Amino acid sequence: MALIAVLVCIILDAIWGITAAIKRGSYARSELMRDTLSKAGAYGSGLLMFMLIEALIGVGWTYGTDTLAAVICITELWSMSANILIVNPRVPFFRMLNKALTGEIARKLGISEDEVKVTFDEIAKEDKKAERKRKASIKAHKEKKEDEASK
């Protein structure tokens, strides 16, 4: 199960990486495939070593393998989260992580962390403005209904 979980995480990260590259208008380079295969090989090697060690010492559990797989999956989730925010900076769950992911996003986009922060600040301002506009529209609609009902 550990190998499958890690493989799924690597594939999801690659998919979001390609999607982020398309969103930026760049192409998914052969580097992506090489990096993905390199990661899969390194992660797989580590997991197999843990499995072999656990088998050699004759333990009936796989805590070491499972823990390593969980750490790898969390690492891939971190990378994937940055790509998701590049694709859609308004995704609620990942948006909560934007401050923590600023460095990762800047690295992936090849820009400074300050530029990423400014972009997130602008998005937050746009969202607040849109929310105020939505509330004003709802209020105007309610007032119109009340006026019609009182006539």
C-alpha atoms as a PDB file:
ATOM      1  CA  MET A   1       0.000   0.000   0.000  1.00  0.00           C
ATOM      2  CA  ALA A   2       2.884   2.395   0.781  1.00  0.00           C
ATOM      3  CA  LEU A   3       4.281   2.138  -2.743  1.00  0.00           C
ATOM      4  CA  ILE A   4       0.863   2.746  -4.291  1.00  0.00           C
ATOM      5  CA  ALA A   5       0.222   5.772  -2.075  1.00  0.00           C
ATOM      6  CA  VAL A   6       3.579   7.307  -3.010  1.00  0.00           C
ATOM      7  CA  LEU A   7       3.022   6.590  -6.710  1.00  0.00           C
ATOM      8  CA  VAL A   8      -0.415   8.257  -6.608  1.00  0.00           C
ATOM      9  CA  CYS A   9       1.074  11.306  -4.858  1.00  0.00           C
ATOM     10  CA  ILE A  10       3.859  11.605  -7.435  1.00  0.00           C
ATOM     11  CA  ILE A  11       1.360  11.358 -10.300  1.00  0.00           C
ATOM     12  CA  LEU A  12      -0.967  13.968  -8.749  1.00  0.00           C
ATOM     13  CA  ASP A  13       1.950  16.348  -8.226  1.00  0.00           C
ATOM     14  CA  ALA A  14       3.026  15.852 -11.863  1.00  0.00           C
ATOM     15  CA  ILE A  15      -0.529  16.512 -13.114  1.00  0.00           C
ATOM     16  CA  TRP A  16      -0.792  19.733 -11.106  1.00  0.00           C
ATOM     17  CA  GLY A  17       2.720  20.706 -12.215  1.00  0.00           C
ATOM     18  CA  ILE A  18       1.716  20.327 -15.870  1.00  0.00           C
ATOM     19  CA  THR A  19      -1.507  22.258 -15.245  1.00  0.00           C
ATOM     20  CA  ALA A  20       0.432  25.087 -13.559  1.00  0.00           C
ATOM     21  CA  ALA A  21       2.901  25.174 -16.463  1.00  0.00           C
ATOM     22  CA  ILE A  22       0.023  25.447 -18.940  1.00  0.00           C
ATOM     23  CA  LYS A  23      -1.596  28.200 -16.861  1.00  0.00           C
ATOM     24  CA  ARG A  24       1.690  30.147 -16.902  1.00  0.00           C
ATOM     25  CA  GLY A  25       1.878  29.717 -20.659  1.00  0.00           C
ATOM     26  CA  SER A  26       5.013  27.645 -20.494  1.00  0.00           C
ATOM     27  CA  TYR A  27       5.287  24.147 -21.781  1.00  0.00           C
ATOM     28  CA  ALA A  28       5.733  21.016 -19.729  1.00  0.00           C
ATOM     29  CA  ARG A  29       9.367  20.261 -20.381  1.00  0.00           C
ATOM     30  CA  SER A  30      10.991  16.893 -20.609  1.00  0.00           C
ATOM     31  CA  GLU A  31      12.584  17.955 -17.309  1.00  0.00           C
ATOM     32  CA  LEU A  32       9.226  17.285 -15.652  1.00  0.00           C
ATOM     33  CA  MET A  33       9.254  13.673 -16.823  1.00  0.00           C
ATOM     34  CA  ARG A  34      12.892  13.259 -15.822  1.00  0.00           C
ATOM     35  CA  ASP A  35      12.238  14.825 -12.395  1.00  0.00           C
ATOM     36  CA  THR A  36       9.133  12.702 -11.875  1.00  0.00           C
ATOM     37  CA  LEU A  37      10.966   9.508 -12.799  1.00  0.00           C
ATOM     38  CA  SER A  38      13.919  10.512 -10.628  1.00  0.00           C
ATOM     39  CA  LYS A  39      11.605  11.154  -7.668  1.00  0.00           C
ATOM     40  CA  ALA A  40       9.791   7.874  -8.209  1.00  0.00           C
ATOM     41  CA  GLY A  41      13.112   6.034  -8.319  1.00  0.00           C
ATOM     42  CA  ALA A  42      14.509   7.707  -5.210  1.00  0.00           C
ATOM     43  CA  TYR A  43      11.306   7.331  -3.207  1.00  0.00           C
ATOM     44  CA  GLY A  44      10.828   3.756  -4.380  1.00  0.00           C
ATOM     45  CA  SER A  45      14.401   2.876  -3.448  1.00  0.00           C
ATOM     46  CA  GLY A  46      13.963   4.286   0.045  1.00  0.00           C
ATOM     47  CA  LEU A  47      10.697   2.445   0.555  1.00  0.00           C
ATOM     48  CA  LEU A  48      12.114  -0.827  -0.732  1.00  0.00           C
ATOM     49  CA  MET A  49      15.102  -0.498   1.601  1.00  0.00           C
ATOM     50  CA  PHE A  50      12.777   0.003   4.565  1.00  0.00           C
ATOM     51  CA  MET A  51      10.713  -3.016   3.470  1.00  0.00           C
ATOM     52  CA  LEU A  52      13.849  -5.154   3.181  1.00  0.00           C
ATOM     53  CA  ILE A  53      15.125  -4.071   6.585  1.00  0.00           C
ATOM     54  CA  GLU A  54      11.770  -4.828   8.178  1.00  0.00           C
ATOM     55  CA  ALA A  55      11.714  -8.239   6.468  1.00  0.00           C
ATOM     56  CA  LEU A  56      15.306  -9.011   7.521  1.00  0.00           C
ATOM     57  CA  ILE A  57      14.724  -8.295  11.180  1.00  0.00           C
ATOM     58  CA  GLY A  58      11.544 -10.329  11.020  1.00  0.00           C
ATOM     59  CA  VAL A  59       9.090  -7.804  12.348  1.00  0.00           C
ATOM     60  CA  GLY A  60       5.444  -8.276  11.523  1.00  0.00           C
ATOM     61  CA  TRP A  61       4.748  -4.580  11.132  1.00  0.00           C
ATOM     62  CA  THR A  62       5.688  -1.925   8.606  1.00  0.00           C
ATOM     63  CA  TYR A  63       5.808   1.212  10.732  1.00  0.00           C
ATOM     64  CA  GLY A  64       9.072   2.390   9.199  1.00  0.00           C
ATOM     65  CA  THR A  65       7.843   1.921   5.630  1.00  0.00           C
ATOM     66  CA  ASP A  66       4.474   3.467   6.380  1.00  0.00           C
ATOM     67  CA  THR A  67       6.059   6.444   8.138  1.00  0.00           C
ATOM     68  CA  LEU A  68       8.464   7.048   5.265  1.00  0.00           C
ATOM     69  CA  ALA A  69       5.573   6.800   2.780  1.00  0.00           C
ATOM     70  CA  ALA A  70       3.567   9.319   4.827  1.00  0.00           C
ATOM     71  CA  VAL A  71       6.503  11.764   4.877  1.00  0.00           C
ATOM     72  CA  ILE A  72       6.938  11.382   1.106  1.00  0.00           C
ATOM     73  CA  CYS A  73       3.212  11.941   0.519  1.00  0.00           C
ATOM     74  CA  ILE A  74       3.259  15.064   2.701  1.00  0.00           C
ATOM     75  CA  THR A  75       6.238  16.363   0.698  1.00  0.00           C
ATOM     76  CA  GLU A  76       4.352  15.776  -2.545  1.00  0.00           C
ATOM     77  CA  LEU A  77       1.233  17.408  -1.078  1.00  0.00           C
ATOM     78  CA  TRP A  78       3.312  20.495  -0.281  1.00  0.00           C
ATOM     79  CA  SER A  79       4.575  20.710  -3.862  1.00  0.00           C
ATOM     80  CA  MET A  80       1.120  19.968  -5.282  1.00  0.00           C
ATOM     81  CA  SER A  81      -0.439  22.651  -3.053  1.00  0.00           C
ATOM     82  CA  ALA A  82       1.844  25.307  -4.519  1.00  0.00           C
ATOM     83  CA  ASN A  83       0.876  24.216  -8.038  1.00  0.00           C
ATOM     84  CA  ILE A  84      -2.824  24.304  -7.133  1.00  0.00           C
ATOM     85  CA  LEU A  85      -2.430  27.895  -5.872  1.00  0.00           C
ATOM     86  CA  ILE A  86      -0.656  28.821  -9.101  1.00  0.00           C
ATOM     87  CA  VAL A  87      -3.562  27.377 -11.101  1.00  0.00           C
ATOM     88  CA  ASN A  88      -6.290  28.848  -8.886  1.00  0.00           C
ATOM     89  CA  PRO A  89      -5.198  31.141  -6.041  1.00  0.00           C
ATOM     90  CA  ARG A  90      -8.744  31.249  -4.667  1.00  0.00           C
ATOM     91  CA  VAL A  91      -9.096  27.579  -3.681  1.00  0.00           C
ATOM     92  CA  PRO A  92     -10.189  27.935  -0.023  1.00  0.00           C
ATOM     93  CA  PHE A  93      -8.229  25.154   1.731  1.00  0.00           C
ATOM     94  CA  PHE A  94      -4.992  25.803  -0.124  1.00  0.00           C
ATOM     95  CA  ARG A  95      -5.466  29.559   0.168  1.00  0.00           C
ATOM     96  CA  MET A  96      -5.060  29.192   3.940  1.00  0.00           C
ATOM     97  CA  LEU A  97      -1.550  27.911   3.191  1.00  0.00           C
ATOM     98  CA  ASN A  98      -0.545  30.743   0.866  1.00  0.00           C
ATOM     99  CA  LYS A  99       1.777  32.418   3.369  1.00  0.00           C
ATOM    100  CA  ALA A 100       3.537  29.147   4.088  1.00  0.00           C
ATOM    101  CA  LEU A 101       3.765  28.285   0.384  1.00  0.00           C
ATOM    102  CA  THR A 102       5.046  31.686  -0.779  1.00  0.00           C
ATOM    103  CA  GLY A 103       8.644  30.466  -1.130  1.00  0.00           C
ATOM    104  CA  GLU A 104       7.631  27.310  -2.989  1.00  0.00           C
ATOM    105  CA  ILE A 105       5.406  29.283  -5.375  1.00  0.00           C
ATOM    106  CA  ALA A 106       8.140  31.880  -5.981  1.00  0.00           C
ATOM    107  CA  ARG A 107      10.622  29.105  -6.766  1.00  0.00           C
ATOM    108  CA  LYS A 108       8.233  27.401  -9.193  1.00  0.00           C
ATOM    109  CA  LEU A 109       7.412  30.680 -10.961  1.00  0.00           C
ATOM    110  CA  GLY A 110      10.971  32.036 -10.921  1.00  0.00           C
ATOM    111  CA  ILE A 111       9.911  35.269  -9.202  1.00  0.00           C
ATOM    112  CA  SER A 112      10.616  36.859  -5.833  1.00  0.00           C
ATOM    113  CA  GLU A 113       8.637  36.040  -2.703  1.00  0.00           C
ATOM    114  CA  ASP A 114       7.613  39.711  -2.529  1.00  0.00           C
ATOM    115  CA  GLU A 115       5.947  39.425  -5.941  1.00  0.00           C
ATOM    116  CA  VAL A 116       3.989  36.401  -4.747  1.00  0.00           C
ATOM    117  CA  LYS A 117       2.911  38.246  -1.588  1.00  0.00           C
ATOM    118  CA  VAL A 118       1.780  41.272  -3.597  1.00  0.00           C
ATOM    119  CA  THR A 119      -0.256  39.026  -5.883  1.00  0.00           C
ATOM    120  CA  PHE A 120      -1.972  37.308  -2.946  1.00  0.00           C
ATOM    121  CA  ASP A 121      -2.669  40.717  -1.372  1.00  0.00           C
ATOM    122  CA  GLU A 122      -4.241  41.938  -4.629  1.00  0.00           C
ATOM    123  CA  ILE A 123      -6.408  38.820  -4.835  1.00  0.00           C
ATOM    124  CA  ALA A 124      -7.533  39.328  -1.232  1.00  0.00           C
ATOM    125  CA  LYS A 125      -8.464  42.955  -1.997  1.00  0.00           C
ATOM    126  CA  GLU A 126     -10.393  41.889  -5.107  1.00  0.00           C
ATOM    127  CA  ASP A 127     -12.248  39.249  -3.093  1.00  0.00           C
ATOM    128  CA  LYS A 128     -13.179  41.753  -0.358  1.00  0.00           C
ATOM    129  CA  LYS A 129     -14.414  44.217  -2.975  1.00  0.00           C
ATOM    130  CA  ALA A 130     -16.484  41.503  -4.667  1.00  0.00           C
ATOM    131  CA  GLU A 131     -17.934  40.466  -1.289  1.00  0.00           C
ATOM    132  CA  ARG A 132     -18.946  44.061  -0.482  1.00  0.00           C
ATOM    133  CA  LYS A 133     -20.562  44.355  -3.915  1.00  0.00           C
ATOM    134  CA  ARG A 134     -22.423  41.064  -3.416  1.00  0.00           C
ATOM    135  CA  LYS A 135     -23.702  42.169   0.005  1.00  0.00           C
ATOM    136  CA  ALA A 136     -24.836  45.540  -1.390  1.00  0.00           C
ATOM    137  CA  SER A 137     -26.680  43.753  -4.183  1.00  0.00           C
ATOM    138  CA  ILE A 138     -28.432  41.453  -1.703  1.00  0.00           C
ATOM    139  CA  LYS A 139     -29.368  44.423   0.474  1.00  0.00           C
ATOM    140  CA  ALA A 140     -30.760  46.349  -2.524  1.00  0.00           C
ATOM    141  CA  HIS A 141     -32.738  43.287  -3.592  1.00  0.00           C
ATOM    142  CA  LYS A 142     -34.208  42.901  -0.073  1.00  0.00           C
ATOM    143  CA  GLU A 143     -35.128  46.587   0.083  1.00  0.00           C
ATOM    144  CA  LYS A 144     -36.824  46.355  -3.314  1.00  0.00           C
ATOM    145  CA  LYS A 145     -38.838  43.312  -2.153  1.00  0.00           C
ATOM    146  CA  GLU A 146     -39.822  45.117   1.061  1.00  0.00           C
ATOM    147  CA  ASP A 147     -40.919  48.179  -0.905  1.00  0.00           C
ATOM    148  CA  GLU A 148     -43.016  46.015  -3.210  1.00  0.00           C
ATOM    149  CA  ALA A 149     -44.535  44.145  -0.260  1.00  0.00           C
ATOM    150  CA  SER A 150     -45.476  47.392   1.520  1.00  0.00           C
ATOM    151  CA  LYS A 151     -47.392  48.705  -1.519  1.00  0.00           C
END
